[in-house]
Amino acid sequence: MFKRLAALAALVVLCARCAAVSLKSRQNYVKYRADLTPAIERAILAGEVAIGMTEDDVWASIGRPDRVNRSTYEFGTRVQFCYDNIGSRFNFNKYRYVYFENDKVTSWSQ
């Protein structure tokens, strides 16, 4: 648990409002997360988003969102990560909004 918190703290310091998450940061995150599936590990290393990622995984992969919208319902919580300044952050406009249900990515849109 301590290693995970240390890795996340380092990631937050390195990525706070950064242009993109560096490959080294993504590699360090994956190194301390033995519970990642191979598909999610590959997505993080590539700076991509994948169905089933947690909020922490998305932060590690593509960086801190500009805004977070949360809605709580009787069946759980829905979260939307909004990346407003996407042009300077990524080489493409692939992830403008990332949607979560109960801390797992369910979809994304441009």
N, C-alpha and C. Protein backbone atom coordinates (compact mmCIF):
# COMPACT_ATOMS: atom_id res chain seq x y z
N MET A 1 0.83 -1.19 0.00
CA MET A 1 0.00 0.00 0.00
C MET A 1 0.87 1.26 0.00
N PHE A 2 1.93 1.24 0.81
CA PHE A 2 2.81 2.41 0.88
C PHE A 2 3.47 2.68 -0.47
N LYS A 3 3.90 1.61 -1.15
CA LYS A 3 4.54 1.79 -2.46
C LYS A 3 3.57 2.42 -3.45
N ARG A 4 2.31 1.99 -3.39
CA ARG A 4 1.30 2.54 -4.30
C ARG A 4 1.09 4.02 -4.02
N LEU A 5 0.97 4.37 -2.75
CA LEU A 5 0.79 5.77 -2.39
C LEU A 5 2.00 6.61 -2.79
N ALA A 6 3.19 6.06 -2.59
CA ALA A 6 4.41 6.78 -2.97
C ALA A 6 4.46 6.99 -4.48
N ALA A 7 4.08 5.96 -5.23
CA ALA A 7 4.08 6.08 -6.69
C ALA A 7 3.06 7.12 -7.15
N LEU A 8 1.88 7.11 -6.53
CA LEU A 8 0.86 8.09 -6.90
C LEU A 8 1.28 9.50 -6.52
N ALA A 9 1.90 9.66 -5.35
CA ALA A 9 2.36 10.98 -4.93
C ALA A 9 3.41 11.51 -5.89
N ALA A 10 4.33 10.66 -6.29
CA ALA A 10 5.36 11.07 -7.24
C ALA A 10 4.74 11.44 -8.58
N LEU A 11 3.74 10.68 -8.98
CA LEU A 11 3.06 10.96 -10.25
C LEU A 11 2.35 12.30 -10.19
N VAL A 12 1.69 12.59 -9.09
CA VAL A 12 0.99 13.87 -8.95
C VAL A 12 1.97 15.02 -9.03
N VAL A 13 3.09 14.91 -8.35
CA VAL A 13 4.10 15.97 -8.38
C VAL A 13 4.63 16.16 -9.80
N LEU A 14 4.91 15.07 -10.47
CA LEU A 14 5.47 15.15 -11.82
C LEU A 14 4.46 15.62 -12.85
N CYS A 15 3.20 15.30 -12.62
CA CYS A 15 2.20 15.52 -13.67
C CYS A 15 1.27 16.70 -13.43
N ALA A 16 1.41 17.37 -12.33
CA ALA A 16 0.49 18.47 -12.06
C ALA A 16 0.58 19.49 -13.19
N ARG A 17 -0.46 19.52 -13.98
CA ARG A 17 -0.57 20.45 -15.10
C ARG A 17 0.54 20.30 -16.13
N CYS A 18 1.09 19.11 -16.24
CA CYS A 18 2.14 18.92 -17.23
C CYS A 18 1.53 18.74 -18.61
N ALA A 19 2.35 18.87 -19.63
CA ALA A 19 1.88 18.74 -21.00
C ALA A 19 1.46 17.31 -21.29
N ALA A 20 2.17 16.36 -20.77
CA ALA A 20 1.84 14.95 -20.96
C ALA A 20 2.56 14.16 -19.89
N VAL A 21 2.07 12.97 -19.63
CA VAL A 21 2.72 12.11 -18.66
C VAL A 21 3.89 11.44 -19.36
N SER A 22 5.07 11.55 -18.77
CA SER A 22 6.25 10.98 -19.40
C SER A 22 6.22 9.46 -19.38
N LEU A 23 6.91 8.87 -20.31
CA LEU A 23 7.01 7.41 -20.36
C LEU A 23 7.61 6.89 -19.06
N LYS A 24 8.60 7.56 -18.53
CA LYS A 24 9.24 7.13 -17.27
C LYS A 24 8.21 7.10 -16.13
N SER A 25 7.36 8.11 -16.05
CA SER A 25 6.33 8.14 -15.01
C SER A 25 5.35 6.98 -15.18
N ARG A 26 4.96 6.72 -16.43
CA ARG A 26 4.04 5.61 -16.68
C ARG A 26 4.70 4.28 -16.34
N GLN A 27 5.97 4.12 -16.67
CA GLN A 27 6.69 2.89 -16.34
C GLN A 27 6.78 2.69 -14.83
N ASN A 28 7.05 3.76 -14.10
CA ASN A 28 7.12 3.65 -12.63
C ASN A 28 5.78 3.27 -12.04
N TYR A 29 4.71 3.83 -12.56
CA TYR A 29 3.37 3.50 -12.06
C TYR A 29 3.10 2.01 -12.27
N VAL A 30 3.35 1.53 -13.47
CA VAL A 30 3.10 0.12 -13.79
C VAL A 30 3.96 -0.80 -12.93
N LYS A 31 5.18 -0.39 -12.67
CA LYS A 31 6.12 -1.19 -11.88
C LYS A 31 5.57 -1.49 -10.48
N TYR A 32 4.87 -0.53 -9.89
CA TYR A 32 4.37 -0.69 -8.53
C TYR A 32 2.92 -1.17 -8.47
N ARG A 33 2.34 -1.50 -9.60
CA ARG A 33 0.95 -1.97 -9.64
C ARG A 33 0.90 -3.39 -10.19
N ALA A 34 1.14 -4.35 -9.34
CA ALA A 34 1.15 -5.76 -9.75
C ALA A 34 -0.25 -6.26 -10.10
N ASP A 35 -1.28 -5.52 -9.71
CA ASP A 35 -2.66 -5.96 -9.94
C ASP A 35 -3.21 -5.58 -11.31
N LEU A 36 -2.43 -4.91 -12.14
CA LEU A 36 -2.92 -4.48 -13.46
C LEU A 36 -3.03 -5.66 -14.41
N THR A 37 -4.08 -5.65 -15.23
CA THR A 37 -4.19 -6.66 -16.28
C THR A 37 -3.18 -6.32 -17.37
N PRO A 38 -2.77 -7.29 -18.17
CA PRO A 38 -1.83 -6.99 -19.26
C PRO A 38 -2.36 -5.92 -20.22
N ALA A 39 -3.65 -5.93 -20.51
CA ALA A 39 -4.22 -4.95 -21.44
C ALA A 39 -4.15 -3.53 -20.85
N ILE A 40 -4.45 -3.39 -19.57
CA ILE A 40 -4.39 -2.07 -18.94
C ILE A 40 -2.94 -1.62 -18.80
N GLU A 41 -2.05 -2.53 -18.48
CA GLU A 41 -0.63 -2.19 -18.40
C GLU A 41 -0.12 -1.66 -19.75
N ARG A 42 -0.48 -2.34 -20.84
CA ARG A 42 -0.07 -1.89 -22.18
C ARG A 42 -0.65 -0.51 -22.50
N ALA A 43 -1.91 -0.30 -22.13
CA ALA A 43 -2.55 0.99 -22.40
C ALA A 43 -1.86 2.12 -21.65
N ILE A 44 -1.53 1.90 -20.39
CA ILE A 44 -0.84 2.93 -19.60
C ILE A 44 0.52 3.24 -20.21
N LEU A 45 1.27 2.22 -20.54
CA LEU A 45 2.59 2.44 -21.12
C LEU A 45 2.52 3.19 -22.45
N ALA A 46 1.42 3.01 -23.18
CA ALA A 46 1.23 3.69 -24.47
C ALA A 46 0.59 5.07 -24.32
N GLY A 47 0.19 5.44 -23.09
CA GLY A 47 -0.48 6.72 -22.89
C GLY A 47 -1.89 6.71 -23.43
N GLU A 48 -2.55 5.57 -23.32
CA GLU A 48 -3.91 5.38 -23.83
C GLU A 48 -4.87 5.13 -22.67
N VAL A 49 -6.16 5.10 -22.98
CA VAL A 49 -7.20 4.76 -22.01
C VAL A 49 -7.82 3.44 -22.44
N ALA A 50 -8.19 2.60 -21.47
CA ALA A 50 -8.82 1.32 -21.77
C ALA A 50 -10.00 1.09 -20.84
N ILE A 51 -10.98 0.39 -21.34
CA ILE A 51 -12.14 0.01 -20.53
C ILE A 51 -11.65 -0.77 -19.32
N GLY A 52 -12.17 -0.43 -18.14
CA GLY A 52 -11.80 -1.13 -16.92
C GLY A 52 -10.73 -0.44 -16.10
N MET A 53 -10.08 0.59 -16.66
CA MET A 53 -9.08 1.33 -15.89
C MET A 53 -9.74 2.04 -14.71
N THR A 54 -8.96 2.24 -13.64
CA THR A 54 -9.42 3.04 -12.51
C THR A 54 -9.09 4.50 -12.77
N GLU A 55 -9.59 5.38 -11.91
CA GLU A 55 -9.25 6.80 -12.03
C GLU A 55 -7.74 7.00 -11.90
N ASP A 56 -7.11 6.29 -10.97
CA ASP A 56 -5.66 6.39 -10.80
C ASP A 56 -4.93 5.96 -12.07
N ASP A 57 -5.41 4.90 -12.71
CA ASP A 57 -4.78 4.42 -13.94
C ASP A 57 -4.84 5.48 -15.03
N VAL A 58 -5.99 6.15 -15.16
CA VAL A 58 -6.14 7.19 -16.18
C VAL A 58 -5.21 8.36 -15.89
N TRP A 59 -5.13 8.76 -14.63
CA TRP A 59 -4.20 9.84 -14.25
C TRP A 59 -2.78 9.45 -14.66
N ALA A 60 -2.40 8.21 -14.37
CA ALA A 60 -1.05 7.74 -14.69
C ALA A 60 -0.82 7.69 -16.19
N SER A 61 -1.85 7.39 -16.95
CA SER A 61 -1.71 7.22 -18.38
C SER A 61 -1.74 8.52 -19.16
N ILE A 62 -2.74 9.36 -18.92
CA ILE A 62 -2.89 10.58 -19.74
C ILE A 62 -2.86 11.87 -18.94
N GLY A 63 -2.70 11.78 -17.62
CA GLY A 63 -2.54 12.98 -16.82
C GLY A 63 -3.80 13.44 -16.10
N ARG A 64 -3.61 14.49 -15.36
CA ARG A 64 -4.67 15.06 -14.53
C ARG A 64 -5.73 15.73 -15.40
N PRO A 65 -7.00 15.47 -15.12
CA PRO A 65 -8.05 16.14 -15.89
C PRO A 65 -8.15 17.62 -15.48
N ASP A 66 -8.68 18.43 -16.38
CA ASP A 66 -8.90 19.84 -16.06
C ASP A 66 -10.10 20.01 -15.14
N ARG A 67 -11.10 19.14 -15.31
CA ARG A 67 -12.29 19.17 -14.46
C ARG A 67 -12.75 17.74 -14.20
N VAL A 68 -13.39 17.56 -13.04
CA VAL A 68 -13.98 16.26 -12.70
C VAL A 68 -15.42 16.51 -12.27
N ASN A 69 -16.35 15.84 -12.93
CA ASN A 69 -17.77 15.93 -12.57
C ASN A 69 -18.18 14.60 -11.96
N ARG A 70 -18.77 14.64 -10.75
CA ARG A 70 -19.20 13.42 -10.05
C ARG A 70 -20.70 13.46 -9.81
N SER A 71 -21.35 12.33 -10.05
CA SER A 71 -22.78 12.18 -9.76
C SER A 71 -22.96 10.88 -9.00
N THR A 72 -23.68 10.94 -7.89
CA THR A 72 -23.93 9.74 -7.09
C THR A 72 -25.39 9.36 -7.21
N TYR A 73 -25.61 8.10 -7.48
CA TYR A 73 -26.95 7.55 -7.64
C TYR A 73 -27.10 6.38 -6.69
N GLU A 74 -28.30 5.83 -6.59
CA GLU A 74 -28.52 4.70 -5.69
C GLU A 74 -27.73 3.47 -6.13
N PHE A 75 -27.40 3.36 -7.41
CA PHE A 75 -26.66 2.20 -7.91
C PHE A 75 -25.15 2.42 -7.93
N GLY A 76 -24.69 3.62 -7.61
CA GLY A 76 -23.25 3.86 -7.60
C GLY A 76 -22.90 5.28 -8.00
N THR A 77 -21.66 5.48 -8.38
CA THR A 77 -21.16 6.80 -8.73
C THR A 77 -20.71 6.83 -10.18
N ARG A 78 -21.06 7.92 -10.85
CA ARG A 78 -20.58 8.17 -12.21
C ARG A 78 -19.64 9.37 -12.15
N VAL A 79 -18.53 9.26 -12.86
CA VAL A 79 -17.53 10.32 -12.88
C VAL A 79 -17.18 10.63 -14.33
N GLN A 80 -16.97 11.91 -14.60
CA GLN A 80 -16.54 12.35 -15.93
C GLN A 80 -15.25 13.15 -15.75
N PHE A 81 -14.17 12.71 -16.38
CA PHE A 81 -12.93 13.49 -16.45
C PHE A 81 -13.01 14.33 -17.71
N CYS A 82 -12.77 15.63 -17.57
CA CYS A 82 -12.82 16.55 -18.71
C CYS A 82 -11.42 17.09 -18.97
N TYR A 83 -10.96 16.94 -20.19
CA TYR A 83 -9.67 17.46 -20.62
C TYR A 83 -9.94 18.60 -21.59
N ASP A 84 -9.95 19.83 -21.07
CA ASP A 84 -10.31 21.00 -21.87
C ASP A 84 -9.18 21.47 -22.77
N ASN A 85 -7.98 21.44 -22.27
CA ASN A 85 -6.83 21.97 -23.00
C ASN A 85 -6.09 20.83 -23.69
N ILE A 86 -6.83 20.06 -24.43
CA ILE A 86 -6.30 18.81 -24.97
C ILE A 86 -5.25 19.01 -26.06
N GLY A 87 -5.34 20.08 -26.82
CA GLY A 87 -4.41 20.28 -27.93
C GLY A 87 -2.96 20.33 -27.51
N SER A 88 -2.68 20.97 -26.40
CA SER A 88 -1.29 21.07 -25.95
C SER A 88 -0.85 19.84 -25.17
N ARG A 89 -1.80 19.02 -24.76
CA ARG A 89 -1.49 17.89 -23.91
C ARG A 89 -1.21 16.62 -24.71
N PHE A 90 -1.88 16.45 -25.82
CA PHE A 90 -1.78 15.23 -26.59
C PHE A 90 -1.52 15.54 -28.05
N ASN A 91 -1.05 14.56 -28.77
CA ASN A 91 -0.83 14.72 -30.21
C ASN A 91 -2.12 14.56 -31.00
N PHE A 92 -3.17 14.16 -30.36
CA PHE A 92 -4.44 13.92 -31.04
C PHE A 92 -5.57 14.24 -30.07
N ASN A 93 -6.74 14.44 -30.60
CA ASN A 93 -7.90 14.76 -29.76
C ASN A 93 -8.72 13.52 -29.45
N LYS A 94 -8.09 12.51 -28.91
CA LYS A 94 -8.76 11.24 -28.69
C LYS A 94 -9.56 11.20 -27.39
N TYR A 95 -9.04 11.79 -26.33
CA TYR A 95 -9.68 11.68 -25.02
C TYR A 95 -10.06 13.06 -24.50
N ARG A 96 -11.21 13.55 -24.88
CA ARG A 96 -11.68 14.82 -24.34
C ARG A 96 -12.47 14.59 -23.06
N TYR A 97 -13.25 13.51 -23.04
CA TYR A 97 -14.03 13.13 -21.86
C TYR A 97 -13.81 11.64 -21.61
N VAL A 98 -13.56 11.29 -20.35
CA VAL A 98 -13.43 9.89 -19.95
C VAL A 98 -14.49 9.64 -18.89
N TYR A 99 -15.28 8.59 -19.08
CA TYR A 99 -16.42 8.30 -18.20
C TYR A 99 -16.15 7.05 -17.36
N PHE A 100 -16.52 7.16 -16.08
CA PHE A 100 -16.34 6.06 -15.13
C PHE A 100 -17.67 5.72 -14.47
N GLU A 101 -17.84 4.47 -14.15
CA GLU A 101 -18.92 4.04 -13.26
C GLU A 101 -18.27 3.17 -12.20
N ASN A 102 -18.48 3.55 -10.94
CA ASN A 102 -17.91 2.83 -9.80
C ASN A 102 -16.40 2.63 -9.96
N ASP A 103 -15.70 3.71 -10.31
CA ASP A 103 -14.24 3.79 -10.44
C ASP A 103 -13.66 2.91 -11.55
N LYS A 104 -14.43 2.62 -12.57
CA LYS A 104 -13.91 1.89 -13.73
C LYS A 104 -14.31 2.62 -15.00
N VAL A 105 -13.36 2.76 -15.93
CA VAL A 105 -13.66 3.41 -17.21
C VAL A 105 -14.70 2.58 -17.95
N THR A 106 -15.75 3.27 -18.40
CA THR A 106 -16.78 2.61 -19.21
C THR A 106 -16.76 3.10 -20.65
N SER A 107 -16.28 4.35 -20.87
CA SER A 107 -16.22 4.88 -22.23
C SER A 107 -15.44 6.18 -22.23
N TRP A 108 -15.21 6.71 -23.44
CA TRP A 108 -14.59 8.03 -23.60
C TRP A 108 -15.10 8.62 -24.90
N SER A 109 -14.96 9.92 -25.03
CA SER A 109 -15.40 10.59 -26.25
C SER A 109 -14.50 11.77 -26.55
N GLN A 110 -14.64 12.28 -27.77
CA GLN A 110 -13.83 13.43 -28.20
C GLN A 110 -14.55 14.71 -27.91
